[in-house]
N, C-alpha and C. Protein backbone atom coordinates (compact mmCIF):
# COMPACT_ATOMS: atom_id res chain seq x y z
N MET A 1 -3.60 -5.75 17.47
CA MET A 1 -3.43 -4.94 16.23
C MET A 1 -2.45 -5.45 15.44
N TYR A 2 -2.87 -5.26 13.64
CA TYR A 2 -2.39 -6.63 13.20
C TYR A 2 -0.92 -5.74 12.66
N LEU A 3 -1.06 -4.12 12.77
CA LEU A 3 0.18 -3.17 11.89
C LEU A 3 0.75 -2.44 13.57
N ASN A 4 1.63 -3.37 14.11
CA ASN A 4 2.72 -2.26 14.52
C ASN A 4 4.06 -2.20 14.56
N PRO A 5 4.74 -0.86 15.63
CA PRO A 5 5.58 0.30 14.55
C PRO A 5 6.34 -1.17 13.85
N ALA A 6 7.06 -1.96 14.52
CA ALA A 6 7.80 -2.69 13.74
C ALA A 6 7.55 -3.04 12.75
N LYS A 7 6.52 -3.09 11.98
CA LYS A 7 6.08 -4.18 10.41
C LYS A 7 6.18 -3.10 10.12
N LYS A 8 5.68 -1.50 10.25
CA LYS A 8 5.92 -0.40 10.00
C LYS A 8 7.05 -0.26 9.41
N GLU A 9 7.89 -0.57 10.09
CA GLU A 9 9.55 0.16 9.47
C GLU A 9 10.14 -1.08 8.90
N GLU A 10 9.86 -1.84 9.52
CA GLU A 10 10.44 -3.12 8.76
C GLU A 10 9.58 -2.70 6.72
N ILE A 11 8.54 -2.07 6.65
CA ILE A 11 7.74 -2.08 5.39
C ILE A 11 8.34 -1.10 4.80
N PHE A 12 8.91 0.12 5.63
CA PHE A 12 9.26 1.63 5.08
C PHE A 12 10.88 1.31 4.69
N GLY A 13 11.56 0.52 6.04
CA GLY A 13 12.97 -0.22 5.07
C GLY A 13 13.29 -0.73 4.12
N GLN A 14 12.40 -1.72 3.58
CA GLN A 14 12.64 -2.41 2.17
C GLN A 14 12.34 -1.26 1.36
N TYR A 15 10.64 -0.66 1.09
CA TYR A 15 10.43 0.30 -0.12
C TYR A 15 10.84 1.18 0.00
N GLY A 16 11.17 1.89 1.23
CA GLY A 16 12.02 3.38 0.75
C GLY A 16 13.08 3.20 1.38
N ALA A 17 14.05 4.54 1.82
CA ALA A 17 15.35 4.92 1.81
C ALA A 17 15.79 4.53 2.74
N ASN A 18 14.70 4.28 4.13
CA ASN A 18 15.66 3.94 5.56
C ASN A 18 14.40 3.37 6.20
N ASN A 19 14.26 3.17 7.27
CA ASN A 19 13.19 2.69 7.77
C ASN A 19 12.48 3.89 8.61
N LYS A 20 12.96 5.18 8.22
CA LYS A 20 12.13 6.54 8.64
C LYS A 20 11.48 6.97 7.77
N ASP A 21 11.47 6.60 6.59
CA ASP A 21 11.12 7.01 4.29
C ASP A 21 9.26 7.00 5.36
N THR A 22 8.21 7.36 5.74
CA THR A 22 7.11 7.52 5.15
C THR A 22 6.99 8.32 4.46
N GLY A 23 7.41 9.48 4.22
CA GLY A 23 6.94 10.67 3.18
C GLY A 23 7.24 10.03 1.97
N SER A 24 7.97 9.30 0.95
CA SER A 24 8.05 8.51 0.25
C SER A 24 6.88 7.42 0.00
N ALA A 25 6.54 8.25 -1.83
CA ALA A 25 5.24 7.51 -2.22
C ALA A 25 5.53 5.66 -2.36
N GLU A 26 7.37 5.36 -2.49
CA GLU A 26 7.20 3.52 -2.42
C GLU A 26 7.04 3.55 -1.47
N SER A 27 6.62 4.41 0.15
CA SER A 27 6.87 3.42 0.96
C SER A 27 5.04 3.82 1.43
N GLN A 28 4.93 4.55 0.57
CA GLN A 28 3.50 4.63 0.90
C GLN A 28 2.24 3.85 -0.07
N ILE A 29 2.83 3.66 -0.67
CA ILE A 29 2.26 2.61 -1.60
C ILE A 29 2.32 0.96 -1.31
N ALA A 30 3.45 0.71 -0.52
CA ALA A 30 4.05 -0.39 0.12
C ALA A 30 3.02 -0.63 1.49
N LEU A 31 2.74 -0.07 1.95
CA LEU A 31 2.03 0.22 2.84
C LEU A 31 0.30 0.13 2.98
N PHE A 32 0.42 1.10 2.43
CA PHE A 32 -1.50 0.71 1.38
C PHE A 32 -1.85 -0.29 0.75
N SER A 33 -1.13 -1.47 0.91
CA SER A 33 -1.33 -3.04 -0.72
C SER A 33 -0.53 -3.67 0.86
N TYR A 34 -0.16 -3.62 1.66
CA TYR A 34 -0.46 -4.43 2.65
C TYR A 34 -1.67 -4.33 3.66
N ARG A 35 -1.70 -3.44 4.02
CA ARG A 35 -3.11 -3.14 3.96
C ARG A 35 -4.48 -3.21 3.97
N ILE A 36 -4.14 -3.15 2.25
CA ILE A 36 -5.16 -3.59 1.52
C ILE A 36 -5.20 -4.83 1.68
N SER A 37 -4.22 -5.69 1.47
CA SER A 37 -4.08 -7.25 1.76
C SER A 37 -4.42 -8.51 3.13
N HIS A 38 -4.94 -7.31 4.48
CA HIS A 38 -4.90 -7.35 5.28
C HIS A 38 -6.63 -7.54 4.75
N LEU A 39 -6.89 -6.04 4.91
CA LEU A 39 -8.60 -5.84 4.82
C LEU A 39 -9.02 -6.74 4.41
N THR A 40 -8.63 -7.03 2.85
CA THR A 40 -9.04 -8.46 1.74
C THR A 40 -9.02 -9.60 2.48
N GLU A 41 -8.51 -10.01 3.68
CA GLU A 41 -8.46 -11.13 4.14
C GLU A 41 -9.26 -11.28 4.79
N HIS A 42 -9.72 -10.17 5.84
CA HIS A 42 -10.84 -9.98 6.82
C HIS A 42 -12.06 -9.99 6.11
N LEU A 43 -12.30 -9.58 5.23
CA LEU A 43 -13.64 -9.47 4.31
C LEU A 43 -14.04 -10.73 3.73
N LYS A 44 -13.23 -11.93 3.19
CA LYS A 44 -13.22 -12.58 2.45
C LYS A 44 -14.43 -13.98 4.21
N LYS A 45 -13.64 -13.40 5.21
CA LYS A 45 -14.53 -14.11 6.21
C LYS A 45 -15.60 -13.82 7.14
N ASN A 46 -15.53 -12.32 6.89
CA ASN A 46 -16.97 -10.89 7.44
C ASN A 46 -17.36 -10.82 6.16
N HIS A 47 -17.74 -10.70 5.22
CA HIS A 47 -19.40 -10.60 4.32
C HIS A 47 -19.36 -9.27 4.56
N LYS A 48 -20.16 -9.18 5.74
CA LYS A 48 -21.38 -8.14 5.91
C LYS A 48 -20.18 -7.29 7.06
N ASP A 49 -19.60 -6.84 6.99
CA ASP A 49 -18.78 -5.82 7.36
C ASP A 49 -18.60 -4.61 6.18
N PHE A 50 -19.62 -3.94 6.04
CA PHE A 50 -19.05 -2.72 5.43
C PHE A 50 -18.56 -2.21 5.64
N ARG A 51 -18.45 -1.30 6.96
CA ARG A 51 -17.55 -0.38 7.22
C ARG A 51 -16.05 -0.42 6.79
N THR A 52 -15.48 -1.75 6.92
CA THR A 52 -14.56 -2.33 6.16
C THR A 52 -14.16 -1.75 5.18
N ALA A 53 -15.33 -2.47 3.99
CA ALA A 53 -15.59 -2.52 3.04
C ALA A 53 -14.88 -1.12 1.80
N ARG A 54 -15.81 -0.03 3.25
CA ARG A 54 -15.69 1.08 2.16
C ARG A 54 -13.88 1.60 3.13
N ALA A 55 -14.31 1.54 3.96
CA ALA A 55 -12.30 1.25 4.01
C ALA A 55 -11.51 0.73 3.40
N LEU A 56 -11.64 0.04 2.49
CA LEU A 56 -10.86 -1.14 1.64
C LEU A 56 -10.87 -0.10 0.44
N THR A 57 -12.41 0.42 -0.36
CA THR A 57 -12.79 1.30 -1.36
C THR A 57 -11.34 1.98 -1.32
N SER A 58 -11.94 3.20 0.03
CA SER A 58 -10.90 3.76 0.15
C SER A 58 -9.24 4.26 -0.35
N LEU A 59 -8.69 2.51 0.53
CA LEU A 59 -7.56 2.68 0.47
C LEU A 59 -7.08 1.94 -0.74
N VAL A 60 -7.91 1.53 -1.98
CA VAL A 60 -7.05 1.37 -3.00
C VAL A 60 -7.17 2.43 -3.36
N GLY A 61 -8.42 3.22 -3.50
CA GLY A 61 -8.42 5.29 -4.34
C GLY A 61 -7.36 5.25 -3.77
N LYS A 62 -7.03 5.12 -2.18
CA LYS A 62 -5.58 6.55 -2.08
C LYS A 62 -3.98 6.03 -2.85
N ARG A 63 -4.39 4.58 -3.24
CA ARG A 63 -2.61 3.88 -3.75
C ARG A 63 -2.76 4.12 -4.82
N ARG A 64 -3.96 4.08 -6.10
CA ARG A 64 -4.58 4.02 -7.09
C ARG A 64 -3.49 5.80 -7.02
N ALA A 65 -4.10 6.56 -6.51
CA ALA A 65 -4.20 7.95 -6.99
C ALA A 65 -2.55 8.31 -6.75
N LEU A 66 -2.25 7.39 -5.65
CA LEU A 66 -0.13 7.95 -5.78
C LEU A 66 0.84 6.39 -6.94
N LEU A 67 0.18 5.90 -6.79
CA LEU A 67 0.55 5.53 -8.50
C LEU A 67 0.34 6.22 -9.64
N ASP A 68 -0.37 6.58 -9.48
CA ASP A 68 -1.20 7.71 -11.10
C ASP A 68 0.39 8.92 -10.58
N TYR A 69 0.52 9.59 -9.88
CA TYR A 69 1.59 10.60 -9.22
C TYR A 69 2.04 10.33 -9.64
N LEU A 70 3.12 8.91 -9.52
CA LEU A 70 4.45 8.67 -9.45
C LEU A 70 4.18 8.07 -10.93
N TYR A 71 3.35 8.09 -11.86
CA TYR A 71 3.68 7.70 -13.44
C TYR A 71 3.80 8.41 -13.95
N GLU A 72 3.52 9.66 -13.81
CA GLU A 72 3.03 10.82 -14.21
C GLU A 72 4.48 11.93 -14.10
N ARG A 73 5.50 11.31 -12.49
CA ARG A 73 6.58 12.28 -11.82
C ARG A 73 8.21 11.42 -12.42
N ASP A 74 7.52 10.27 -12.48
CA ASP A 74 9.12 9.00 -12.83
C ASP A 74 8.45 7.82 -13.14
N ILE A 75 8.17 7.22 -14.46
CA ILE A 75 7.61 6.31 -14.94
C ILE A 75 9.14 5.30 -14.60
N ASN A 76 10.16 5.90 -14.55
CA ASN A 76 11.27 3.90 -13.80
C ASN A 76 10.91 3.80 -11.77
N ARG A 77 11.01 4.64 -11.07
CA ARG A 77 9.97 4.41 -10.19
C ARG A 77 9.15 3.52 -10.34
N TYR A 78 7.59 4.41 -10.57
CA TYR A 78 6.21 3.79 -10.84
C TYR A 78 6.49 2.82 -11.57
N ARG A 79 7.40 1.20 -12.93
CA ARG A 79 7.75 0.53 -12.70
C ARG A 79 8.28 -0.39 -11.98
N ALA A 80 9.16 0.20 -10.55
CA ALA A 80 9.69 -0.70 -10.02
C ALA A 80 9.18 -0.65 -8.90
N ILE A 81 7.89 -0.33 -8.14
CA ILE A 81 7.20 -0.46 -7.53
C ILE A 81 6.67 -1.25 -7.92
N ILE A 82 5.42 -0.90 -9.34
CA ILE A 82 5.00 -2.38 -9.15
C ILE A 82 5.37 -3.75 -9.58
N LYS A 83 6.90 -4.27 -9.98
CA LYS A 83 7.39 -5.33 -9.93
C LYS A 83 7.72 -5.90 -8.91
N ALA A 84 8.08 -4.53 -7.58
CA ALA A 84 8.70 -5.18 -6.57
C ALA A 84 7.18 -5.52 -5.75
N LEU A 85 5.92 -5.04 -6.13
CA LEU A 85 5.34 -5.76 -5.17
C LEU A 85 4.55 -6.69 -5.79
N GLY A 86 4.34 -6.97 -7.19
CA GLY A 86 3.90 -7.29 -7.90
C GLY A 86 2.21 -7.18 -7.75
N LEU A 87 2.27 -5.73 -8.27
CA LEU A 87 0.14 -5.54 -8.63
C LEU A 87 0.23 -5.64 -9.68
N ARG A 88 -0.90 -5.73 -10.38
CA ARG A 88 -0.74 -5.70 -12.01
C ARG A 88 -0.35 -4.76 -13.54
N LYS A 89 -0.66 -3.82 -13.04
CA LYS A 89 -0.64 -2.79 -13.65
C LYS A 89 1.45 -2.28 -13.57
């Protein structure tokens, strides 16, 4: 499996308040971004994998919804996570 519990704790520790902070928007956005990059690499090699393509589309939508939520609630946190992850917007 590409995403073991140790990797999740590392992502949550880097972007959340602590290693167990799974609920904050920043940690969820970071986890979605990691999964999106993994699925994108998979689809480059396996372009006919339509289930993965659908899962990727779903993840991008979930991340966008969380980013919109964060934009409405706290613009400074939104700008910080965009800069930290290197997202375009």
